[in-house]
Amino acid sequence: MAGPAARRRGPGCGSLLLLLPALLESWAACQAPPVPAAESPPDGTELGVERRFVPESCPRAVRPGDFVRYHYLGAFPDGTRFDSSYDRGSTFNVFVGKGQLIAGMDKALVGMCVNERRFVKIPPKLAYGSEGVPGVIPPNAVLHFDVLLIDLWNSEDEVQVQTYFKPEKCPRTVQVSDFVRYHYNGTFLDGTLFDSSHNRMRTYDTYVGIGWLIPGMDQGLLGMCVGEKRIITIPPFLAYGEEGDGKEIPGQASLVFDVVLLDLHNPKDGIVIENQVVPESCERRSQTGDFLRYHYNGTLLDGTLFDSSYSRNHTYDTYVGKGYVIAGMDEGLLGVCTGEKRRIIIPPHLGYGEEGRGKIPGSAVLVFDIHVVDFHNPSDSVGITVNYRPSNCTVLSKKGDYLKYHYNASLLDGTLLDSTHSLGKTYNIVLGSGQVVVGMDMGLQDMCVGERRTVVIPPHLGYGEDGVVFRVHPSSS
């Protein structure tokens, strides 16, 4: 199907009696050359054409040399029917202006639009003349045809693409060998629906440009953006050709696909990271083996939300680089700072693959907008930063000392947990007696009176995996 399909020609001039009634119009193929249709004069000796229905939209009309598919009813002036394509359940398919029709029909079809209906009166001299067709058409018979045009194309036609919606942002378009997921409605040129992915409630998923699709669709999808909507019109020799598909699509049918592209990736793709917010101060970036707490919104490439930690009001907590999350997220969470916001775009082979999971369809690109709240490493110790130390610092705190101190306690992302200042009194303990978490016991060692410190306590030296209900999140620094 790389080139035009072989043309199907009508019968020769002497084949009528063998093919009646299906190809009754073919007998007079060697009559006068086609001329534009004219209105019938009162005496009925010339061709008459009455346009009974003309569609509002007519992007193209029949020209000599076009291939057409149409339905018709054939009758004599008294109303007696002699032939009908409807009775056979199949359109009449033929080239116009090439002598494959009686001369009157060759002329009458010129200028017709798809979905147009014409009533045609053909005098004997442009039909079967003084001889007629024995047993079927009497001599000198005037013929009436009620014609409805279903389809038309030309062997020189190409795929037509009409984009009727394109998103403002289009970072990438469909290229040869890309894998795409799209929805479509498939119709014939007259608007008759023959297939729809929407009705199946499942996208059509395929590679582009490697022969998995009909050639016309392979061409029509190239250059599309995710979210773009196109109408792709495909002539039959770039679709299913002379034979059709053996099911819904007849031979020699032009196809129209209304397509919306939902997803796009290439098997060679890696993850894409887009930094959205990076804190000015970043003393440490996440590494393999760290334990992270982060919030996220997970969407498909077209923006459809499939999951959100915010809706659960709970961070997602996991080790990084150890296979606890999908491969793309394992990679995308490396090198982040606490407080950082980034977008991680993950192709399906680094996400949930061809099978998908839950609300995630197979072969779906995933987009995660993450906000890193906290991370630590199980090997971390207490982090101490001295903010102020008096010059006359001679006595340092040690185990067994009675301490009175003020503090502001927060999570690593700055969320305030508690403050003695708001209570208006100090916090009083005996150092090393287990009255505070282990990390605080360590952080208060070797302090002077008047000294100020920032003490960062990892969860295994704080409140651990359980945290404190309604106060400290599990696994929080």
Protein backbone atom coordinates (compact mmCIF):
# COMPACT_ATOMS: atom_id res chain seq x y z
CA MET A 1 0.00 0.00 0.00
CA ALA A 2 3.01 2.28 -0.48
CA GLY A 3 1.55 3.69 -3.69
CA PRO A 4 -1.88 4.20 -5.26
CA ALA A 5 -4.09 1.15 -5.28
CA ALA A 6 -4.81 -0.43 -8.64
CA ARG A 7 -7.74 1.28 -10.27
CA ARG A 8 -10.96 -0.70 -10.64
CA ARG A 9 -12.36 -0.13 -14.11
CA GLY A 10 -15.98 -0.52 -15.20
CA PRO A 11 -17.15 -3.11 -17.72
CA GLY A 12 -16.65 -2.65 -21.45
CA CYS A 13 -19.34 -1.66 -23.91
CA GLY A 14 -20.44 -5.21 -24.60
CA SER A 15 -20.76 -6.50 -21.04
CA LEU A 16 -24.16 -5.15 -20.04
CA LEU A 17 -26.24 -8.30 -20.47
CA LEU A 18 -23.86 -10.27 -18.28
CA LEU A 19 -23.99 -7.80 -15.40
CA LEU A 20 -27.58 -6.59 -15.26
CA PRO A 21 -29.00 -5.12 -13.19
CA ALA A 22 -25.98 -4.09 -11.09
CA LEU A 23 -24.07 -2.29 -13.79
CA LEU A 24 -26.87 -1.18 -16.06
CA GLU A 25 -25.37 2.25 -16.56
CA SER A 26 -22.20 0.92 -18.18
CA TRP A 27 -23.57 -0.17 -21.57
CA ALA A 28 -23.24 3.11 -23.38
CA ALA A 29 -19.66 3.83 -22.36
CA CYS A 30 -18.65 4.88 -25.89
CA GLN A 31 -21.14 7.72 -26.20
CA ALA A 32 -20.35 11.46 -26.40
CA PRO A 33 -17.62 12.94 -24.12
CA PRO A 34 -18.75 14.45 -20.79
CA VAL A 35 -19.98 18.04 -20.64
CA PRO A 36 -21.36 19.98 -17.67
CA ALA A 37 -24.89 19.00 -16.67
CA ALA A 38 -27.69 21.23 -17.94
CA GLU A 39 -31.26 21.76 -16.84
CA SER A 40 -33.83 19.72 -18.80
CA PRO A 41 -35.79 21.67 -21.44
CA PRO A 42 -39.51 21.11 -21.71
CA ASP A 43 -39.27 18.65 -24.62
CA GLY A 44 -37.12 16.21 -22.61
CA THR A 45 -34.65 15.68 -25.44
CA GLU A 46 -31.66 16.93 -23.44
CA LEU A 47 -30.11 15.98 -20.14
CA GLY A 48 -31.98 17.30 -17.09
CA VAL A 49 -30.51 17.72 -13.62
CA GLU A 50 -32.41 18.81 -10.52
CA ARG A 51 -30.31 19.44 -7.39
CA ARG A 52 -32.70 18.23 -4.68
CA PHE A 53 -30.27 18.60 -1.78
CA VAL A 54 -26.97 20.47 -1.61
CA PRO A 55 -24.94 20.35 1.65
CA GLU A 56 -23.87 23.62 3.24
CA SER A 57 -20.23 22.60 3.10
CA CYS A 58 -18.80 21.46 -0.21
CA PRO A 59 -15.01 21.61 -0.07
CA ARG A 60 -14.74 19.70 -3.34
CA ALA A 61 -17.00 18.76 -6.27
CA VAL A 62 -16.75 15.98 -8.84
CA ARG A 63 -14.44 16.62 -11.78
CA PRO A 64 -13.80 14.42 -14.82
CA GLY A 65 -11.22 11.83 -13.81
CA ASP A 66 -12.46 11.52 -10.22
CA PHE A 67 -13.46 8.20 -8.71
CA VAL A 68 -16.91 8.29 -7.10
CA ARG A 69 -19.07 6.07 -4.93
CA TYR A 70 -22.81 6.77 -5.07
CA HIS A 71 -26.22 5.25 -4.46
CA TYR A 72 -29.00 5.49 -7.03
CA LEU A 73 -32.54 4.50 -7.91
CA GLY A 74 -33.26 3.99 -11.64
CA ALA A 75 -36.83 4.25 -12.95
CA PHE A 76 -38.80 4.94 -16.11
CA PRO A 77 -40.94 8.09 -16.38
CA ASP A 78 -44.03 6.15 -15.23
CA GLY A 79 -42.24 5.31 -11.98
CA THR A 80 -41.44 1.69 -12.78
CA ARG A 81 -38.10 0.87 -11.17
CA PHE A 82 -35.55 -0.99 -13.27
CA ASP A 83 -32.49 -0.88 -10.99
CA SER A 84 -31.30 0.20 -7.52
CA SER A 85 -27.94 0.14 -5.75
CA TYR A 86 -29.81 0.19 -2.42
CA ASP A 87 -31.34 -3.21 -3.23
CA ARG A 88 -27.82 -4.62 -3.59
CA GLY A 89 -26.61 -2.98 -0.37
CA SER A 90 -23.57 -1.56 -2.13
CA THR A 91 -22.66 1.75 -3.72
CA PHE A 92 -21.83 2.00 -7.42
CA ASN A 93 -18.11 2.73 -7.75
CA VAL A 94 -16.68 4.16 -10.97
CA PHE A 95 -14.41 6.75 -12.59
CA VAL A 96 -16.22 9.78 -14.02
CA GLY A 97 -15.53 11.07 -17.52
CA LYS A 98 -13.63 7.98 -18.66
CA GLY A 99 -16.41 6.27 -20.62
CA GLN A 100 -17.32 3.82 -17.88
CA LEU A 101 -20.89 5.20 -17.62
CA ILE A 102 -23.62 6.05 -20.05
CA ALA A 103 -22.95 9.51 -21.44
CA GLY A 104 -25.83 11.15 -19.57
CA MET A 105 -24.64 9.93 -16.17
CA ASP A 106 -21.05 10.86 -16.97
CA LYS A 107 -22.27 14.43 -17.47
CA ALA A 108 -24.77 14.52 -14.60
CA LEU A 109 -22.25 13.60 -11.90
CA VAL A 110 -19.86 16.45 -12.73
CA GLY A 111 -20.04 19.22 -10.11
CA MET A 112 -21.69 17.07 -7.39
CA CYS A 113 -20.71 17.42 -3.72
CA VAL A 114 -20.50 14.58 -1.24
CA ASN A 115 -23.97 14.15 0.33
CA GLU A 116 -25.58 16.02 -2.56
CA ARG A 117 -28.74 14.45 -4.05
CA ARG A 118 -29.64 14.95 -7.70
CA PHE A 119 -32.63 13.87 -9.79
CA VAL A 120 -31.37 13.16 -13.31
CA LYS A 121 -33.43 12.75 -16.51
CA ILE A 122 -31.45 11.14 -19.31
CA PRO A 123 -32.81 11.13 -22.88
CA PRO A 124 -32.32 8.03 -25.04
CA LYS A 125 -29.52 9.54 -27.10
CA LEU A 126 -27.43 9.88 -23.89
CA ALA A 127 -28.57 6.48 -22.57
CA TYR A 128 -29.37 3.28 -24.55
CA GLY A 129 -30.71 4.88 -27.73
CA SER A 130 -33.07 3.31 -30.23
CA GLU A 131 -31.87 -0.22 -29.41
CA GLY A 132 -32.42 -0.22 -25.66
CA VAL A 133 -31.50 -3.37 -23.73
CA PRO A 134 -33.65 -6.38 -24.65
CA GLY A 135 -35.82 -7.44 -21.76
CA VAL A 136 -34.71 -4.53 -19.53
CA ILE A 137 -34.65 -1.12 -21.26
CA PRO A 138 -37.10 -0.58 -24.13
CA PRO A 139 -35.95 1.31 -27.24
CA ASN A 140 -35.90 5.12 -27.03
CA ALA A 141 -36.45 5.04 -23.24
CA VAL A 142 -36.04 8.12 -21.08
CA LEU A 143 -34.32 7.14 -17.80
CA HIS A 144 -34.75 8.78 -14.39
CA PHE A 145 -32.02 8.43 -11.73
CA ASP A 146 -32.22 9.57 -8.10
CA VAL A 147 -28.52 9.87 -7.17
CA LEU A 148 -26.84 10.39 -3.77
CA LEU A 149 -23.06 10.96 -3.80
CA ILE A 150 -21.23 9.17 -0.97
CA ASP A 151 -17.54 9.57 -1.77
CA LEU A 152 -15.12 11.02 -4.28
CA TRP A 153 -11.36 11.06 -4.73
CA ASN A 154 -8.68 11.33 -7.36
CA SER A 155 -5.56 9.25 -7.89
CA GLU A 156 -3.49 12.40 -7.42
CA ASP A 157 -4.95 13.11 -3.97
CA GLU A 158 -2.77 13.29 -0.86
CA VAL A 159 -3.52 13.10 2.85
CA GLN A 160 -5.29 16.25 4.02
CA VAL A 161 -4.65 17.54 7.55
CA GLN A 162 -6.78 20.20 9.23
CA THR A 163 -5.71 21.26 12.74
CA TYR A 164 -8.61 22.80 14.62
CA PHE A 165 -7.01 23.00 18.06
CA LYS A 166 -3.36 23.34 19.04
CA PRO A 167 -2.11 23.93 22.61
CA GLU A 168 -0.06 27.03 23.32
CA LYS A 169 2.88 24.95 24.56
CA CYS A 170 4.20 22.22 22.33
CA PRO A 171 7.64 21.11 23.55
CA ARG A 172 7.67 18.10 21.26
CA THR A 173 5.83 16.76 18.20
CA VAL A 174 5.27 13.28 16.78
CA GLN A 175 8.20 11.91 14.79
CA VAL A 176 8.83 8.63 12.98
CA SER A 177 9.25 5.71 15.47
CA ASP A 178 7.43 7.53 18.30
CA PHE A 179 4.80 5.66 20.28
CA VAL A 180 1.49 7.54 20.57
CA ARG A 181 -1.82 7.18 22.38
CA TYR A 182 -4.79 8.92 20.79
CA HIS A 183 -8.56 8.95 20.61
CA TYR A 184 -10.39 9.12 17.30
CA ASN A 185 -13.71 9.04 15.52
CA GLY A 186 -13.51 7.42 12.08
CA THR A 187 -16.11 8.34 9.45
CA PHE A 188 -16.58 8.05 5.74
CA LEU A 189 -16.57 11.17 3.61
CA ASP A 190 -20.35 11.45 3.96
CA GLY A 191 -20.07 11.53 7.77
CA THR A 192 -21.12 7.93 8.47
CA LEU A 193 -19.33 6.68 11.60
CA PHE A 194 -17.53 3.36 11.16
CA ASP A 195 -15.35 3.27 14.29
CA SER A 196 -14.58 5.21 17.47
CA SER A 197 -12.05 4.70 20.24
CA HIS A 198 -14.27 6.90 22.44
CA ASN A 199 -17.02 4.26 22.25
CA ARG A 200 -14.54 1.64 23.47
CA MET A 201 -13.35 4.04 26.20
CA ARG A 202 -9.76 3.16 25.34
CA THR A 203 -7.11 5.02 23.37
CA TYR A 204 -5.52 3.60 20.25
CA ASP A 205 -1.86 2.95 21.05
CA THR A 206 0.71 2.41 18.33
CA TYR A 207 4.07 3.28 16.80
CA VAL A 208 4.09 5.89 14.04
CA GLY A 209 5.89 5.64 10.73
CA ILE A 210 6.96 2.00 10.89
CA GLY A 211 4.02 0.39 9.10
CA TRP A 212 1.74 -0.40 12.03
CA LEU A 213 -0.91 1.97 10.62
CA ILE A 214 -2.40 2.56 7.20
CA PRO A 215 -0.01 4.85 5.27
CA GLY A 216 -2.35 7.83 5.41
CA MET A 217 -2.59 7.75 9.19
CA ASP A 218 1.17 7.30 9.48
CA GLN A 219 1.49 10.57 7.55
CA GLY A 220 -1.37 12.39 9.23
CA LEU A 221 -0.09 11.95 12.78
CA LEU A 222 3.39 13.34 12.13
CA GLY A 223 4.04 16.75 13.70
CA MET A 224 1.19 16.56 16.22
CA CYS A 225 1.47 17.99 19.74
CA VAL A 226 -0.02 16.38 22.82
CA GLY A 227 -3.49 17.90 23.17
CA GLU A 228 -3.71 18.82 19.48
CA LYS A 229 -6.89 17.98 17.55
CA ARG A 230 -6.82 17.22 13.85
CA ILE A 231 -9.08 16.04 11.07
CA ILE A 232 -7.14 13.70 8.80
CA THR A 233 -8.71 12.84 5.43
CA ILE A 234 -7.21 9.82 3.68
CA PRO A 235 -7.86 8.68 0.09
CA PRO A 236 -8.50 4.93 -0.27
CA PHE A 237 -5.16 4.10 -1.91
CA LEU A 238 -3.48 5.32 1.33
CA ALA A 239 -6.08 3.49 3.46
CA TYR A 240 -7.71 0.10 2.75
CA GLY A 241 -7.73 0.30 -1.04
CA GLU A 242 -9.94 -1.68 -3.39
CA GLU A 243 -10.77 -4.44 -0.94
CA GLY A 244 -11.64 -2.44 2.20
CA ASP A 245 -10.99 -4.05 5.56
CA GLY A 246 -13.45 -6.88 5.05
CA LYS A 247 -15.67 -5.53 7.83
CA GLU A 248 -17.02 -2.00 8.23
CA ILE A 249 -14.94 -0.28 5.54
CA PRO A 250 -15.94 -1.01 1.91
CA GLY A 251 -13.55 -0.97 -0.99
CA GLN A 252 -12.44 2.36 -2.48
CA ALA A 253 -13.58 4.34 0.58
CA SER A 254 -12.08 7.66 1.63
CA LEU A 255 -11.66 7.86 5.40
CA VAL A 256 -11.89 10.81 7.77
CA PHE A 257 -10.35 10.61 11.25
CA ASP A 258 -11.04 13.18 13.97
CA VAL A 259 -8.00 12.70 16.22
CA VAL A 260 -6.91 14.06 19.61
CA LEU A 261 -3.38 13.16 20.71
CA LEU A 262 -3.10 12.27 24.40
CA ASP A 263 0.40 10.91 24.81
CA LEU A 264 3.71 10.68 23.02
CA HIS A 265 7.09 9.12 23.76
CA ASN A 266 9.97 7.31 22.14
CA PRO A 267 11.45 4.04 23.41
CA LYS A 268 14.81 5.81 23.59
CA ASP A 269 13.50 8.51 25.95
CA GLY A 270 14.90 9.03 29.43
CA ILE A 271 13.27 11.05 32.17
CA VAL A 272 12.94 14.82 31.81
CA ILE A 273 13.41 17.09 34.85
CA GLU A 274 12.07 20.62 34.92
CA ASN A 275 13.13 22.61 37.98
CA GLN A 276 10.36 24.88 39.19
CA VAL A 277 11.58 26.15 42.58
CA VAL A 278 15.10 25.66 43.93
CA PRO A 279 15.89 27.10 47.41
CA GLU A 280 18.68 29.69 47.57
CA SER A 281 20.34 27.70 50.33
CA CYS A 282 20.87 24.01 49.67
CA GLU A 283 23.43 22.52 52.03
CA ARG A 284 22.83 19.00 50.83
CA ARG A 285 21.26 17.20 47.88
CA SER A 286 19.62 13.79 47.99
CA GLN A 287 21.71 10.72 47.17
CA THR A 288 21.13 7.01 46.71
CA GLY A 289 20.08 5.50 50.03
CA ASP A 290 18.46 8.65 51.41
CA PHE A 291 14.95 8.55 52.84
CA LEU A 292 12.68 11.22 51.34
CA ARG A 293 9.34 12.69 52.30
CA TYR A 294 7.64 14.54 49.47
CA HIS A 295 4.28 15.68 48.21
CA TYR A 296 3.24 15.16 44.60
CA ASN A 297 0.53 15.50 41.99
CA GLY A 298 0.64 12.76 39.36
CA THR A 299 -0.91 13.41 35.95
CA LEU A 300 -0.87 11.91 32.50
CA LEU A 301 0.76 13.88 29.71
CA ASP A 302 -2.60 15.42 28.73
CA GLY A 303 -3.08 16.75 32.28
CA THR A 304 -5.44 14.05 33.60
CA LEU A 305 -4.87 13.68 37.36
CA PHE A 306 -4.42 10.08 38.50
CA ASP A 307 -3.04 10.53 42.03
CA SER A 308 -2.11 13.15 44.62
CA SER A 309 -0.50 12.95 48.04
CA TYR A 310 -2.13 16.29 48.86
CA SER A 311 -5.57 14.71 48.63
CA ARG A 312 -4.49 12.22 51.33
CA ASN A 313 -2.91 15.00 53.42
CA HIS A 314 0.17 12.83 53.83
CA THR A 315 3.58 12.90 52.22
CA TYR A 316 4.91 9.95 50.24
CA ASP A 317 7.85 8.55 52.19
CA THR A 318 10.43 6.28 50.61
CA TYR A 319 14.07 5.39 50.12
CA VAL A 320 15.67 6.64 46.92
CA GLY A 321 17.73 4.59 44.53
CA LYS A 322 16.80 1.24 46.05
CA GLY A 323 13.92 0.19 43.81
CA TYR A 324 11.15 1.16 46.25
CA VAL A 325 9.56 3.39 43.57
CA ILE A 326 9.34 3.17 39.76
CA ALA A 327 12.69 3.52 38.02
CA GLY A 328 11.97 6.97 36.63
CA MET A 329 11.05 8.35 40.05
CA ASP A 330 14.09 6.71 41.64
CA GLU A 331 16.23 8.63 39.18
CA GLY A 332 14.23 11.85 39.30
CA LEU A 333 14.45 12.21 43.10
CA LEU A 334 18.25 12.21 43.14
CA GLY A 335 19.98 15.56 43.58
CA VAL A 336 17.03 17.40 45.12
CA CYS A 337 17.18 19.92 47.98
CA THR A 338 14.75 20.15 50.86
CA GLY A 339 12.04 22.58 49.79
CA GLU A 340 12.73 22.07 46.09
CA LYS A 341 9.87 21.76 43.60
CA ARG A 342 10.47 19.98 40.32
CA ARG A 343 8.55 18.31 37.54
CA ILE A 344 9.61 14.78 36.56
CA ILE A 345 8.37 13.43 33.24
CA ILE A 346 8.71 9.65 33.05
CA PRO A 347 8.30 7.55 29.87
CA PRO A 348 6.31 4.33 30.30
CA HIS A 349 9.33 2.00 30.13
CA LEU A 350 10.57 3.76 33.28
CA GLY A 351 7.06 3.94 34.76
CA TYR A 352 4.31 1.34 34.64
CA GLY A 353 5.08 -0.03 31.18
CA GLU A 354 2.65 -1.52 28.71
CA GLU A 355 0.31 -2.84 31.38
CA GLY A 356 -0.25 0.33 33.40
CA ARG A 357 -1.65 0.24 36.91
CA GLY A 358 -4.95 1.34 38.46
CA LYS A 359 -5.92 4.65 36.88
CA ILE A 360 -2.74 4.66 34.79
CA PRO A 361 -3.31 3.18 31.32
CA GLY A 362 -0.76 1.04 29.58
CA SER A 363 2.15 2.78 27.80
CA ALA A 364 1.41 6.08 29.55
CA VAL A 365 3.90 8.89 30.09
CA LEU A 366 3.68 10.13 33.68
CA VAL A 367 4.17 13.66 34.96
CA PHE A 368 4.94 14.19 38.65
CA ASP A 369 5.01 17.67 40.19
CA ILE A 370 6.87 17.08 43.45
CA HIS A 371 7.69 19.16 46.50
CA VAL A 372 10.48 17.77 48.68
CA VAL A 373 9.58 18.22 52.33
CA ASP A 374 12.33 16.30 54.08
CA PHE A 375 15.13 13.84 53.53
CA HIS A 376 17.77 12.13 55.60
CA ASN A 377 20.04 9.12 55.56
CA PRO A 378 19.88 6.31 58.11
CA SER A 379 23.58 6.89 58.76
CA ASP A 380 23.03 10.60 59.56
CA SER A 381 23.95 11.95 62.95
CA VAL A 382 22.73 15.12 64.60
CA GLY A 383 23.61 18.24 62.67
CA ILE A 384 24.74 21.18 64.82
CA THR A 385 25.21 24.75 63.61
CA VAL A 386 26.40 27.28 66.19
CA ASN A 387 24.68 30.59 65.52
CA TYR A 388 26.09 32.51 68.49
CA ARG A 389 28.57 31.72 71.27
CA PRO A 390 29.53 34.20 74.06
CA SER A 391 33.20 35.23 74.27
CA ASN A 392 33.46 34.19 77.95
CA CYS A 393 32.49 30.57 77.30
CA THR A 394 34.32 28.53 79.91
CA VAL A 395 31.69 26.15 81.32
CA LEU A 396 30.11 23.65 78.87
CA SER A 397 27.02 21.55 79.42
CA LYS A 398 27.51 17.84 80.11
CA LYS A 399 25.53 14.76 81.02
CA GLY A 400 23.78 15.16 84.37
CA ASP A 401 23.56 18.96 84.21
CA TYR A 402 20.25 20.65 84.82
CA LEU A 403 19.41 22.81 81.77
CA LYS A 404 16.89 25.55 81.20
CA TYR A 405 16.51 26.61 77.54
CA HIS A 406 14.20 28.16 75.00
CA TYR A 407 13.53 26.65 71.57
CA ASN A 408 11.55 26.92 68.36
CA ALA A 409 10.89 23.46 66.90
CA SER A 410 10.03 22.99 63.24
CA LEU A 411 10.10 20.39 60.52
CA LEU A 412 12.86 20.55 57.94
CA ASP A 413 10.58 22.44 55.53
CA GLY A 414 10.05 25.16 58.16
CA THR A 415 6.65 24.05 59.47
CA LEU A 416 6.49 25.23 63.10
CA LEU A 417 5.77 22.46 65.61
CA ASP A 418 6.25 24.09 69.00
CA SER A 419 7.85 27.07 70.76
CA THR A 420 8.65 27.80 74.39
CA HIS A 421 8.59 31.50 73.55
CA SER A 422 4.89 31.29 72.86
CA LEU A 423 4.41 29.63 76.25
CA GLY A 424 6.46 32.28 78.04
CA LYS A 425 8.61 29.77 79.95
CA THR A 426 11.73 27.72 79.48
CA TYR A 427 11.98 23.98 78.91
CA ASN A 428 13.82 22.34 81.82
CA ILE A 429 15.57 18.96 81.74
CA VAL A 430 18.44 16.93 83.18
CA LEU A 431 20.80 16.31 80.28
CA GLY A 432 21.31 12.67 79.34
CA SER A 433 18.49 11.35 81.52
CA GLY A 434 16.13 10.46 78.64
CA GLN A 435 13.80 13.39 79.18
CA VAL A 436 14.15 14.44 75.53
CA VAL A 437 14.73 12.51 72.29
CA VAL A 438 18.24 11.13 71.81
CA GLY A 439 19.08 13.68 69.13
CA MET A 440 18.22 16.58 71.43
CA ASP A 441 20.31 15.10 74.21
CA MET A 442 23.21 15.02 71.76
CA GLY A 443 22.51 18.51 70.42
CA LEU A 444 22.53 20.12 73.87
CA GLN A 445 25.96 18.77 74.80
CA ASP A 446 28.91 21.20 75.19
CA MET A 447 26.83 24.40 75.14
CA CYS A 448 27.60 27.65 76.98
CA VAL A 449 24.99 29.68 78.78
CA GLY A 450 23.74 32.20 76.21
CA GLU A 451 24.79 30.10 73.23
CA ARG A 452 22.41 29.67 70.28
CA ARG A 453 22.37 26.62 68.06
CA THR A 454 20.42 25.07 65.23
CA VAL A 455 20.12 21.36 65.88
CA VAL A 456 18.89 19.10 63.03
CA ILE A 457 17.77 15.70 64.27
CA PRO A 458 17.18 12.81 61.86
CA PRO A 459 14.07 10.72 62.57
CA HIS A 460 15.97 7.68 63.89
CA LEU A 461 17.32 10.00 66.62
CA GLY A 462 13.99 11.80 66.97
CA TYR A 463 10.48 10.38 66.84
CA GLY A 464 11.24 7.62 64.32
CA GLU A 465 8.93 6.12 61.75
CA ASP A 466 5.82 6.68 63.88
CA GLY A 467 6.26 10.36 64.68
CA VAL A 468 3.87 11.97 67.15
CA VAL A 469 0.17 11.83 66.35
CA PHE A 470 -1.17 15.21 65.19
CA ARG A 471 2.21 16.86 65.84
CA VAL A 472 5.23 15.30 64.21
CA HIS A 473 4.91 13.46 60.90
CA PRO A 474 6.39 9.96 60.71
CA SER A 475 10.04 9.77 59.63
CA SER A 476 10.48 13.54 60.06
CA SER A 477 13.72 15.39 60.66
